[in-house]
């Protein structure tokens, strides 16, 4: 759990900041920042599940997920899901936008940097989970 804790804490911070942006601000800057934070949050959640995954891989998975959600918007599937359960709008969004794709790419770069910054540090021969098992 020790290896996951920094990712959990950073994910909570990203979630709070993202929700604040979503509900308190409007406009282009808020939209782009929200897209960036969405990818950062997804990347952090990936690392909560897979804490040893390299930062670039986690950021790539987050980018792929985010673009997939945007494609659900493009084909109308996101709107149907939101009709079934409105809070899903926070996960799948509502309308397709090329600007969101650009924000997601920027978000993947930011996510990789955040993941590198918050990843636990230890001795090179020590596992980050504290189990004492050496790294492969």
N, C-alpha and C. Protein backbone atom coordinates (compact mmCIF):
# COMPACT_ATOMS: atom_id res chain seq x y z
N UNK A 1 0.83 -1.20 0.00
CA UNK A 1 0.00 0.00 0.00
C UNK A 1 0.87 1.26 0.00
N UNK A 2 2.06 1.16 0.57
CA UNK A 2 2.92 2.34 0.65
C UNK A 2 3.24 2.89 -0.74
N UNK A 3 3.39 2.01 -1.71
CA UNK A 3 3.70 2.46 -3.08
C UNK A 3 2.50 3.15 -3.71
N UNK A 4 1.31 2.79 -3.29
CA UNK A 4 0.09 3.35 -3.88
C UNK A 4 -0.32 4.68 -3.24
N UNK A 5 0.04 4.90 -2.00
CA UNK A 5 -0.44 6.07 -1.26
C UNK A 5 -0.16 7.40 -1.95
N UNK A 6 1.03 7.65 -2.47
CA UNK A 6 1.25 8.94 -3.14
C UNK A 6 0.33 9.13 -4.35
N UNK A 7 0.04 8.03 -5.06
CA UNK A 7 -0.84 8.12 -6.22
C UNK A 7 -2.28 8.38 -5.78
N UNK A 8 -2.70 7.76 -4.67
CA UNK A 8 -4.05 7.99 -4.14
C UNK A 8 -4.20 9.45 -3.73
N UNK A 9 -3.23 9.96 -2.98
CA UNK A 9 -3.31 11.35 -2.52
C UNK A 9 -3.31 12.33 -3.69
N UNK A 10 -2.47 12.09 -4.67
CA UNK A 10 -2.43 12.96 -5.84
C UNK A 10 -3.72 12.86 -6.64
N UNK A 11 -4.31 11.66 -6.70
CA UNK A 11 -5.58 11.48 -7.42
C UNK A 11 -6.70 12.26 -6.73
N UNK A 12 -6.73 12.23 -5.41
CA UNK A 12 -7.74 13.00 -4.68
C UNK A 12 -7.56 14.49 -4.95
N UNK A 13 -6.33 14.96 -4.94
CA UNK A 13 -6.07 16.37 -5.23
C UNK A 13 -6.50 16.73 -6.66
N UNK A 14 -6.19 15.86 -7.62
CA UNK A 14 -6.59 16.12 -9.01
C UNK A 14 -8.10 16.11 -9.15
N UNK A 15 -8.77 15.21 -8.44
CA UNK A 15 -10.23 15.13 -8.49
C UNK A 15 -10.86 16.39 -7.92
N UNK A 16 -10.39 16.83 -6.77
CA UNK A 16 -10.93 18.05 -6.14
C UNK A 16 -10.71 19.26 -7.04
N UNK A 17 -9.50 19.39 -7.57
CA UNK A 17 -9.21 20.51 -8.46
C UNK A 17 -10.06 20.44 -9.73
N UNK A 18 -10.20 19.24 -10.29
CA UNK A 18 -11.01 19.08 -11.50
C UNK A 18 -12.47 19.41 -11.26
N UNK A 19 -13.03 18.96 -10.15
CA UNK A 19 -14.43 19.28 -9.84
C UNK A 19 -14.61 20.78 -9.57
N UNK A 20 -13.63 21.39 -8.92
CA UNK A 20 -13.70 22.83 -8.70
C UNK A 20 -13.71 23.57 -10.03
N UNK A 21 -12.85 23.16 -10.96
CA UNK A 21 -12.85 23.77 -12.29
C UNK A 21 -14.19 23.58 -12.97
N UNK A 22 -14.73 22.38 -12.87
CA UNK A 22 -15.98 22.03 -13.56
C UNK A 22 -17.15 22.86 -13.07
N UNK A 23 -17.21 23.10 -11.76
CA UNK A 23 -18.38 23.75 -11.20
C UNK A 23 -18.20 25.22 -10.87
N UNK A 24 -16.97 25.72 -10.85
CA UNK A 24 -16.74 27.11 -10.46
C UNK A 24 -16.31 28.01 -11.61
N UNK A 25 -15.73 27.45 -12.66
CA UNK A 25 -15.21 28.27 -13.75
C UNK A 25 -15.86 27.89 -15.07
N UNK A 26 -15.79 28.81 -16.02
CA UNK A 26 -16.29 28.54 -17.37
C UNK A 26 -15.28 29.07 -18.37
N UNK A 27 -15.47 28.72 -19.62
CA UNK A 27 -14.62 29.26 -20.66
C UNK A 27 -13.56 28.30 -21.14
N UNK A 28 -12.79 28.77 -22.10
CA UNK A 28 -11.79 27.96 -22.77
C UNK A 28 -10.72 27.44 -21.82
N UNK A 29 -10.19 28.31 -20.98
CA UNK A 29 -9.12 27.88 -20.06
C UNK A 29 -9.63 26.79 -19.12
N UNK A 30 -10.84 26.94 -18.61
CA UNK A 30 -11.41 25.93 -17.72
C UNK A 30 -11.62 24.62 -18.47
N UNK A 31 -12.07 24.68 -19.73
CA UNK A 31 -12.28 23.47 -20.52
C UNK A 31 -10.97 22.73 -20.77
N UNK A 32 -9.95 23.46 -21.17
CA UNK A 32 -8.66 22.83 -21.45
C UNK A 32 -8.05 22.28 -20.15
N UNK A 33 -8.08 23.07 -19.09
CA UNK A 33 -7.53 22.60 -17.81
C UNK A 33 -8.29 21.37 -17.31
N UNK A 34 -9.60 21.35 -17.51
CA UNK A 34 -10.39 20.19 -17.12
C UNK A 34 -9.99 18.95 -17.89
N UNK A 35 -9.75 19.10 -19.20
CA UNK A 35 -9.30 17.97 -20.01
C UNK A 35 -7.94 17.46 -19.58
N UNK A 36 -7.05 18.38 -19.29
CA UNK A 36 -5.71 18.01 -18.82
C UNK A 36 -5.82 17.25 -17.50
N UNK A 37 -6.60 17.78 -16.57
CA UNK A 37 -6.75 17.14 -15.26
C UNK A 37 -7.43 15.78 -15.36
N UNK A 38 -8.34 15.62 -16.32
CA UNK A 38 -9.01 14.34 -16.51
C UNK A 38 -7.98 13.26 -16.83
N UNK A 39 -7.07 13.55 -17.75
CA UNK A 39 -6.03 12.58 -18.11
C UNK A 39 -5.09 12.34 -16.93
N UNK A 40 -4.73 13.38 -16.21
CA UNK A 40 -3.86 13.22 -15.04
C UNK A 40 -4.54 12.31 -14.01
N UNK A 41 -5.83 12.54 -13.75
CA UNK A 41 -6.56 11.71 -12.80
C UNK A 41 -6.59 10.25 -13.24
N UNK A 42 -6.91 10.02 -14.51
CA UNK A 42 -6.96 8.63 -15.00
C UNK A 42 -5.58 7.97 -14.87
N UNK A 43 -4.52 8.69 -15.21
CA UNK A 43 -3.16 8.14 -15.10
C UNK A 43 -2.83 7.80 -13.64
N UNK A 44 -3.21 8.67 -12.73
CA UNK A 44 -2.97 8.40 -11.31
C UNK A 44 -3.75 7.17 -10.85
N UNK A 45 -4.98 7.03 -11.32
CA UNK A 45 -5.77 5.85 -10.95
C UNK A 45 -5.17 4.57 -11.53
N UNK A 46 -4.62 4.66 -12.73
CA UNK A 46 -3.92 3.51 -13.31
C UNK A 46 -2.76 3.11 -12.39
N UNK A 47 -2.04 4.09 -11.87
CA UNK A 47 -0.90 3.80 -10.99
C UNK A 47 -1.32 3.34 -9.61
N UNK A 48 -2.53 3.68 -9.19
CA UNK A 48 -3.04 3.12 -7.94
C UNK A 48 -3.19 1.61 -8.09
N UNK A 49 -3.68 1.19 -9.25
CA UNK A 49 -3.88 -0.23 -9.52
C UNK A 49 -2.55 -0.92 -9.86
N UNK A 50 -1.71 -0.25 -10.64
CA UNK A 50 -0.44 -0.82 -11.10
C UNK A 50 0.70 0.13 -10.74
N UNK A 51 1.11 0.18 -9.46
CA UNK A 51 2.06 1.19 -9.02
C UNK A 51 3.45 1.08 -9.64
N UNK A 52 3.81 -0.07 -10.20
CA UNK A 52 5.14 -0.22 -10.79
C UNK A 52 5.16 0.09 -12.28
N UNK A 53 4.01 0.39 -12.85
CA UNK A 53 3.94 0.70 -14.27
C UNK A 53 4.73 1.98 -14.55
N UNK A 54 5.55 1.99 -15.60
CA UNK A 54 6.28 3.22 -15.92
C UNK A 54 5.33 4.40 -16.18
N UNK A 55 5.78 5.57 -15.83
CA UNK A 55 4.95 6.78 -15.95
C UNK A 55 4.45 6.99 -17.37
N UNK A 56 5.31 6.79 -18.34
CA UNK A 56 4.90 7.01 -19.74
C UNK A 56 3.83 6.00 -20.15
N UNK A 57 3.93 4.77 -19.67
CA UNK A 57 2.91 3.77 -19.99
C UNK A 57 1.57 4.13 -19.36
N UNK A 58 1.59 4.55 -18.10
CA UNK A 58 0.35 4.95 -17.43
C UNK A 58 -0.26 6.16 -18.12
N UNK A 59 0.56 7.12 -18.52
CA UNK A 59 0.06 8.29 -19.23
C UNK A 59 -0.53 7.89 -20.58
N UNK A 60 0.10 6.93 -21.25
CA UNK A 60 -0.42 6.45 -22.53
C UNK A 60 -1.76 5.75 -22.38
N UNK A 61 -1.91 4.95 -21.33
CA UNK A 61 -3.19 4.29 -21.06
C UNK A 61 -4.26 5.34 -20.78
N UNK A 62 -3.91 6.35 -19.99
CA UNK A 62 -4.86 7.41 -19.67
C UNK A 62 -5.27 8.18 -20.93
N UNK A 63 -4.31 8.43 -21.81
CA UNK A 63 -4.62 9.12 -23.07
C UNK A 63 -5.55 8.27 -23.92
N UNK A 64 -5.27 6.98 -24.03
CA UNK A 64 -6.13 6.09 -24.82
C UNK A 64 -7.55 6.05 -24.25
N UNK A 65 -7.67 5.96 -22.93
CA UNK A 65 -8.98 5.95 -22.28
C UNK A 65 -9.73 7.25 -22.59
N UNK A 66 -9.05 8.37 -22.46
CA UNK A 66 -9.68 9.67 -22.66
C UNK A 66 -10.16 9.84 -24.10
N UNK A 67 -9.35 9.42 -25.05
CA UNK A 67 -9.75 9.51 -26.45
C UNK A 67 -10.92 8.56 -26.71
N UNK A 68 -10.92 7.40 -26.08
CA UNK A 68 -12.05 6.47 -26.23
C UNK A 68 -13.34 7.10 -25.70
N UNK A 69 -13.26 7.80 -24.57
CA UNK A 69 -14.45 8.48 -24.04
C UNK A 69 -14.93 9.56 -25.01
N UNK A 70 -13.98 10.25 -25.62
CA UNK A 70 -14.34 11.30 -26.59
C UNK A 70 -15.02 10.67 -27.81
N UNK A 71 -14.56 9.50 -28.21
CA UNK A 71 -15.19 8.81 -29.35
C UNK A 71 -16.61 8.37 -29.00
N UNK A 72 -16.84 7.97 -27.76
CA UNK A 72 -18.20 7.65 -27.33
C UNK A 72 -19.10 8.87 -27.49
N UNK A 73 -18.55 10.04 -27.25
CA UNK A 73 -19.32 11.27 -27.45
C UNK A 73 -19.62 11.48 -28.93
N UNK A 74 -18.63 11.22 -29.78
CA UNK A 74 -18.78 11.45 -31.22
C UNK A 74 -19.87 10.58 -31.83
N UNK A 75 -20.04 9.36 -31.32
CA UNK A 75 -21.05 8.47 -31.90
C UNK A 75 -22.38 8.51 -31.15
N UNK A 76 -22.47 9.35 -30.12
CA UNK A 76 -23.72 9.51 -29.39
C UNK A 76 -23.93 8.54 -28.25
N UNK A 77 -23.00 7.62 -28.05
CA UNK A 77 -23.16 6.63 -26.98
C UNK A 77 -23.06 7.28 -25.60
N UNK A 78 -22.21 8.28 -25.47
CA UNK A 78 -22.06 8.96 -24.17
C UNK A 78 -23.38 9.59 -23.74
N UNK A 79 -24.06 10.23 -24.68
CA UNK A 79 -25.34 10.87 -24.35
C UNK A 79 -26.36 9.84 -23.88
N UNK A 80 -26.37 8.68 -24.50
CA UNK A 80 -27.30 7.63 -24.08
C UNK A 80 -26.97 7.13 -22.68
N UNK A 81 -25.69 6.98 -22.39
CA UNK A 81 -25.28 6.54 -21.06
C UNK A 81 -25.66 7.57 -20.00
N UNK A 82 -25.47 8.85 -20.33
CA UNK A 82 -25.80 9.92 -19.38
C UNK A 82 -27.31 9.98 -19.14
N UNK A 83 -28.11 9.65 -20.16
CA UNK A 83 -29.57 9.59 -19.96
C UNK A 83 -29.93 8.53 -18.93
N UNK A 84 -29.19 7.42 -18.93
CA UNK A 84 -29.46 6.35 -17.98
C UNK A 84 -29.06 6.72 -16.56
N UNK A 85 -27.93 7.44 -16.44
CA UNK A 85 -27.44 7.84 -15.12
C UNK A 85 -26.67 9.14 -15.26
N UNK A 86 -27.30 10.28 -14.97
CA UNK A 86 -26.68 11.59 -15.20
C UNK A 86 -25.28 11.81 -14.62
N UNK A 87 -24.93 11.27 -13.44
CA UNK A 87 -23.56 11.49 -12.95
C UNK A 87 -22.46 10.95 -13.88
N UNK A 88 -22.81 10.05 -14.79
CA UNK A 88 -21.82 9.55 -15.74
C UNK A 88 -21.26 10.65 -16.63
N UNK A 89 -21.96 11.78 -16.69
CA UNK A 89 -21.46 12.90 -17.49
C UNK A 89 -20.04 13.30 -17.06
N UNK A 90 -19.73 13.15 -15.78
CA UNK A 90 -18.40 13.49 -15.28
C UNK A 90 -17.33 12.53 -15.79
N UNK A 91 -17.73 11.32 -16.18
CA UNK A 91 -16.78 10.33 -16.67
C UNK A 91 -16.72 10.31 -18.19
N UNK A 92 -17.88 10.28 -18.85
CA UNK A 92 -17.91 10.13 -20.30
C UNK A 92 -18.11 11.43 -21.05
N UNK A 93 -18.43 12.51 -20.34
CA UNK A 93 -18.62 13.79 -21.01
C UNK A 93 -19.96 13.87 -21.72
N UNK A 94 -20.06 14.86 -22.61
CA UNK A 94 -21.35 15.04 -23.27
C UNK A 94 -21.23 15.23 -24.78
N UNK A 95 -20.36 16.13 -25.22
CA UNK A 95 -20.27 16.42 -26.65
C UNK A 95 -18.82 16.33 -27.13
N UNK A 96 -18.66 15.84 -28.35
CA UNK A 96 -17.33 15.69 -28.94
C UNK A 96 -16.72 17.05 -29.25
N UNK A 97 -15.41 17.16 -29.01
CA UNK A 97 -14.69 18.39 -29.35
C UNK A 97 -13.24 18.03 -29.67
N UNK A 98 -12.76 18.53 -30.82
CA UNK A 98 -11.35 18.32 -31.16
C UNK A 98 -10.44 18.99 -30.14
N UNK A 99 -10.91 20.08 -29.54
CA UNK A 99 -10.11 20.76 -28.53
C UNK A 99 -9.85 19.83 -27.33
N UNK A 100 -10.83 19.01 -27.01
CA UNK A 100 -10.64 18.05 -25.91
C UNK A 100 -9.50 17.08 -26.23
N UNK A 101 -9.42 16.64 -27.48
CA UNK A 101 -8.34 15.72 -27.87
C UNK A 101 -6.98 16.39 -27.64
N UNK A 102 -6.87 17.65 -28.05
CA UNK A 102 -5.62 18.39 -27.83
C UNK A 102 -5.31 18.51 -26.34
N UNK A 103 -6.34 18.79 -25.54
CA UNK A 103 -6.15 18.90 -24.09
C UNK A 103 -5.70 17.56 -23.51
N UNK A 104 -6.22 16.46 -24.05
CA UNK A 104 -5.84 15.14 -23.56
C UNK A 104 -4.37 14.84 -23.86
N UNK A 105 -3.92 15.23 -25.04
CA UNK A 105 -2.51 15.01 -25.39
C UNK A 105 -1.61 15.80 -24.43
N UNK A 106 -1.96 17.06 -24.20
CA UNK A 106 -1.22 17.87 -23.22
C UNK A 106 -1.31 17.22 -21.84
N UNK A 107 -2.49 16.72 -21.50
CA UNK A 107 -2.68 16.06 -20.21
C UNK A 107 -1.80 14.84 -20.03
N UNK A 108 -1.56 14.10 -21.12
CA UNK A 108 -0.69 12.92 -21.03
C UNK A 108 0.74 13.33 -20.70
N UNK A 109 1.19 14.44 -21.27
CA UNK A 109 2.54 14.94 -20.97
C UNK A 109 2.61 15.38 -19.51
N UNK A 110 1.60 16.12 -19.08
CA UNK A 110 1.55 16.58 -17.68
C UNK A 110 1.45 15.37 -16.75
N UNK A 111 0.64 14.39 -17.12
CA UNK A 111 0.47 13.19 -16.29
C UNK A 111 1.79 12.46 -16.10
N UNK A 112 2.55 12.30 -17.16
CA UNK A 112 3.85 11.61 -17.03
C UNK A 112 4.74 12.36 -16.05
N UNK A 113 4.75 13.68 -16.14
CA UNK A 113 5.57 14.48 -15.22
C UNK A 113 5.08 14.34 -13.78
N UNK A 114 3.76 14.38 -13.59
CA UNK A 114 3.19 14.24 -12.24
C UNK A 114 3.52 12.86 -11.67
N UNK A 115 3.37 11.84 -12.49
CA UNK A 115 3.65 10.48 -12.01
C UNK A 115 5.10 10.31 -11.60
N UNK A 116 6.00 10.87 -12.37
CA UNK A 116 7.42 10.82 -12.01
C UNK A 116 7.66 11.56 -10.71
N UNK A 117 6.98 12.70 -10.53
CA UNK A 117 7.18 13.51 -9.33
C UNK A 117 6.64 12.84 -8.07
N UNK A 118 5.51 12.13 -8.17
CA UNK A 118 4.90 11.56 -6.97
C UNK A 118 5.28 10.10 -6.73
N UNK A 119 5.95 9.47 -7.67
CA UNK A 119 6.33 8.06 -7.49
C UNK A 119 7.22 7.91 -6.27
N UNK A 120 6.97 6.88 -5.47
CA UNK A 120 7.81 6.67 -4.30
C UNK A 120 9.26 6.38 -4.69
N UNK A 121 10.15 6.87 -3.90
CA UNK A 121 11.57 6.64 -4.14
C UNK A 121 12.08 5.67 -3.06
N UNK A 122 12.97 4.84 -3.44
CA UNK A 122 13.56 3.89 -2.49
C UNK A 122 14.94 3.50 -2.99
N UNK A 123 15.56 2.62 -2.27
CA UNK A 123 16.85 2.12 -2.74
C UNK A 123 16.61 1.36 -4.04
N UNK A 124 17.56 1.39 -4.96
CA UNK A 124 17.38 0.71 -6.24
C UNK A 124 17.12 -0.78 -6.10
N UNK A 125 17.61 -1.40 -5.02
CA UNK A 125 17.44 -2.83 -4.85
C UNK A 125 16.23 -3.18 -3.99
N UNK A 126 15.42 -2.18 -3.65
CA UNK A 126 14.28 -2.39 -2.78
C UNK A 126 12.99 -2.16 -3.54
N UNK A 127 11.98 -2.98 -3.28
CA UNK A 127 10.71 -2.81 -3.96
C UNK A 127 9.98 -1.61 -3.38
N UNK A 128 9.20 -0.89 -4.21
CA UNK A 128 8.50 0.29 -3.71
C UNK A 128 7.37 -0.05 -2.76
N UNK A 129 6.93 -1.32 -2.72
CA UNK A 129 5.83 -1.66 -1.83
C UNK A 129 6.29 -2.02 -0.42
N UNK A 130 7.61 -1.96 -0.20
CA UNK A 130 8.13 -2.21 1.13
C UNK A 130 8.21 -3.67 1.51
N UNK A 131 7.96 -4.57 0.57
CA UNK A 131 7.97 -6.00 0.89
C UNK A 131 9.37 -6.56 1.04
N UNK A 132 10.37 -5.79 0.59
CA UNK A 132 11.74 -6.26 0.68
C UNK A 132 12.17 -7.06 -0.52
N UNK A 133 11.23 -7.39 -1.38
CA UNK A 133 11.59 -8.14 -2.59
C UNK A 133 12.37 -7.23 -3.52
N UNK A 134 13.43 -7.77 -4.08
CA UNK A 134 14.23 -6.94 -4.98
C UNK A 134 13.54 -6.78 -6.32
N UNK A 135 13.87 -5.69 -6.97
CA UNK A 135 13.29 -5.42 -8.28
C UNK A 135 13.92 -6.35 -9.31
N UNK A 136 13.14 -6.72 -10.33
CA UNK A 136 13.71 -7.57 -11.38
C UNK A 136 14.71 -6.83 -12.22
